[in-house]
Amino acid sequence: FLYRAADDTGVTSAVRLRDIPRSHPFHTEVSWLVGTSISTGYGDGTFRPVEPVSRGAMAAFLYRFDRSKGGTAPLP
C-alpha cells in the first residue's frame, strides 16, 4: 500500500534480495521499499516476505515513508 500511495510507480531500484527473485509477485514493490530505505531487509541479504511485521517495524516504515515524501513527522 505504501508503494501505491507514493505514486512513484516509475521509480524502481536494482535491489537484489536472495528470497525475492524477479518472478516474485511483489518483486517491484519490495525492491521499491528497500531502494527508498523505507525497509532495509535483513543483513544476510533476505527480506523474509512471509515473516510477521511488528507494530514497531510498521511504525518505522510509516515514519520513513512520511519523511521520504517531505513530511515533517517529529522524532519521538
C-alpha atoms as a PDB file:
ATOM      1  CA  PHE A   1       0.000   0.000   0.000  1.00  0.00           C
ATOM      2  CA  LEU A   2       2.909   2.400   0.573  1.00  0.00           C
ATOM      3  CA  TYR A   3       4.183   1.790  -2.957  1.00  0.00           C
ATOM      4  CA  ARG A   4       0.789   2.690  -4.418  1.00  0.00           C
ATOM      5  CA  ALA A   5       0.333   5.648  -2.061  1.00  0.00           C
ATOM      6  CA  ALA A   6       3.736   7.036  -3.037  1.00  0.00           C
ATOM      7  CA  ASP A   7       2.656   7.209  -6.670  1.00  0.00           C
ATOM      8  CA  ASP A   8       6.276   6.513  -7.601  1.00  0.00           C
ATOM      9  CA  THR A   9       5.400   3.598  -9.842  1.00  0.00           C
ATOM     10  CA  GLY A  10       8.099   4.595 -12.323  1.00  0.00           C
ATOM     11  CA  VAL A  11      10.784   4.600  -9.646  1.00  0.00           C
ATOM     12  CA  THR A  12      12.440   1.234  -9.258  1.00  0.00           C
ATOM     13  CA  SER A  13      15.762   0.091  -7.985  1.00  0.00           C
ATOM     14  CA  ALA A  14      18.027  -2.829  -8.830  1.00  0.00           C
ATOM     15  CA  VAL A  15      17.806  -4.215  -5.302  1.00  0.00           C
ATOM     16  CA  ARG A  16      18.899  -7.838  -5.048  1.00  0.00           C
ATOM     17  CA  LEU A  17      17.361  -9.875  -2.277  1.00  0.00           C
ATOM     18  CA  ARG A  18      18.057 -13.614  -2.153  1.00  0.00           C
ATOM     19  CA  ASP A  19      14.472 -14.566  -1.351  1.00  0.00           C
ATOM     20  CA  ILE A  20      12.729 -12.127  -3.735  1.00  0.00           C
ATOM     21  CA  PRO A  21      13.511 -13.253  -7.287  1.00  0.00           C
ATOM     22  CA  ARG A  22      12.271 -11.204 -10.233  1.00  0.00           C
ATOM     23  CA  SER A  23       9.465 -13.747 -10.618  1.00  0.00           C
ATOM     24  CA  HIS A  24       8.125 -12.994  -7.114  1.00  0.00           C
ATOM     25  CA  PRO A  25       4.655 -11.390  -7.328  1.00  0.00           C
ATOM     26  CA  PHE A  26       5.802  -8.423  -5.210  1.00  0.00           C
ATOM     27  CA  HIS A  27       9.348  -8.003  -6.536  1.00  0.00           C
ATOM     28  CA  THR A  28       8.751  -4.443  -7.741  1.00  0.00           C
ATOM     29  CA  GLU A  29       7.097  -3.309  -4.510  1.00  0.00           C
ATOM     30  CA  VAL A  30       9.705  -4.917  -2.251  1.00  0.00           C
ATOM     31  CA  SER A  31      12.554  -3.538  -4.367  1.00  0.00           C
ATOM     32  CA  TRP A  32      10.966  -0.094  -4.090  1.00  0.00           C
ATOM     33  CA  LEU A  33      10.713  -0.378  -0.278  1.00  0.00           C
ATOM     34  CA  VAL A  34      14.361  -1.340   0.046  1.00  0.00           C
ATOM     35  CA  GLY A  35      15.552   1.076  -2.650  1.00  0.00           C
ATOM     36  CA  THR A  36      13.903   4.008  -0.853  1.00  0.00           C
ATOM     37  CA  SER A  37      15.249   2.823   2.533  1.00  0.00           C
ATOM     38  CA  ILE A  38      11.729   2.549   3.936  1.00  0.00           C
ATOM     39  CA  SER A  39      12.636  -1.049   4.709  1.00  0.00           C
ATOM     40  CA  THR A  40      16.119  -2.471   4.788  1.00  0.00           C
ATOM     41  CA  GLY A  41      15.644  -6.213   4.743  1.00  0.00           C
ATOM     42  CA  TYR A  42      17.993  -8.362   6.790  1.00  0.00           C
ATOM     43  CA  GLY A  43      21.779  -8.283   6.949  1.00  0.00           C
ATOM     44  CA  ASP A  44      22.022 -11.669   5.263  1.00  0.00           C
ATOM     45  CA  GLY A  45      20.518 -10.290   2.039  1.00  0.00           C
ATOM     46  CA  THR A  46      16.992 -11.584   2.612  1.00  0.00           C
ATOM     47  CA  PHE A  47      13.654  -9.849   3.014  1.00  0.00           C
ATOM     48  CA  ARG A  48      11.709 -12.743   4.543  1.00  0.00           C
ATOM     49  CA  PRO A  49       8.380 -11.819   2.966  1.00  0.00           C
ATOM     50  CA  VAL A  50       6.286 -14.289   4.974  1.00  0.00           C
ATOM     51  CA  GLU A  51       7.551 -13.187   8.401  1.00  0.00           C
ATOM     52  CA  PRO A  52       5.136 -11.118  10.502  1.00  0.00           C
ATOM     53  CA  VAL A  53       5.749  -7.371  10.768  1.00  0.00           C
ATOM     54  CA  SER A  54       5.780  -5.968  14.291  1.00  0.00           C
ATOM     55  CA  ARG A  55       3.959  -2.789  15.204  1.00  0.00           C
ATOM     56  CA  GLY A  56       7.330  -1.181  15.892  1.00  0.00           C
ATOM     57  CA  ALA A  57       8.627  -2.062  12.438  1.00  0.00           C
ATOM     58  CA  MET A  58       5.443  -0.762  10.817  1.00  0.00           C
ATOM     59  CA  ALA A  59       5.790   2.493  12.765  1.00  0.00           C
ATOM     60  CA  ALA A  60       9.333   2.831  11.402  1.00  0.00           C
ATOM     61  CA  PHE A  61       8.137   2.136   7.845  1.00  0.00           C
ATOM     62  CA  LEU A  62       5.415   4.777   8.124  1.00  0.00           C
ATOM     63  CA  TYR A  63       7.820   7.303   9.634  1.00  0.00           C
ATOM     64  CA  ARG A  64      10.389   6.753   6.852  1.00  0.00           C
ATOM     65  CA  PHE A  65       7.657   6.908   4.210  1.00  0.00           C
ATOM     66  CA  ASP A  66       6.430  10.251   5.576  1.00  0.00           C
ATOM     67  CA  ARG A  67       9.966  11.650   5.630  1.00  0.00           C
ATOM     68  CA  SER A  68      10.614  10.413   2.075  1.00  0.00           C
ATOM     69  CA  LYS A  69       7.603  12.388   0.872  1.00  0.00           C
ATOM     70  CA  GLY A  70       8.798  15.603   2.520  1.00  0.00           C
ATOM     71  CA  GLY A  71       6.776  15.079   5.681  1.00  0.00           C
ATOM     72  CA  THR A  72       7.790  16.518   8.972  1.00  0.00           C
ATOM     73  CA  ALA A  73       6.912  13.721  11.370  1.00  0.00           C
ATOM     74  CA  PRO A  74       8.719  14.708  14.572  1.00  0.00           C
ATOM     75  CA  LEU A  75      11.209  12.423  16.210  1.00  0.00           C
ATOM     76  CA  PRO A  76       9.927  10.911  19.453  1.00  0.00           C
END
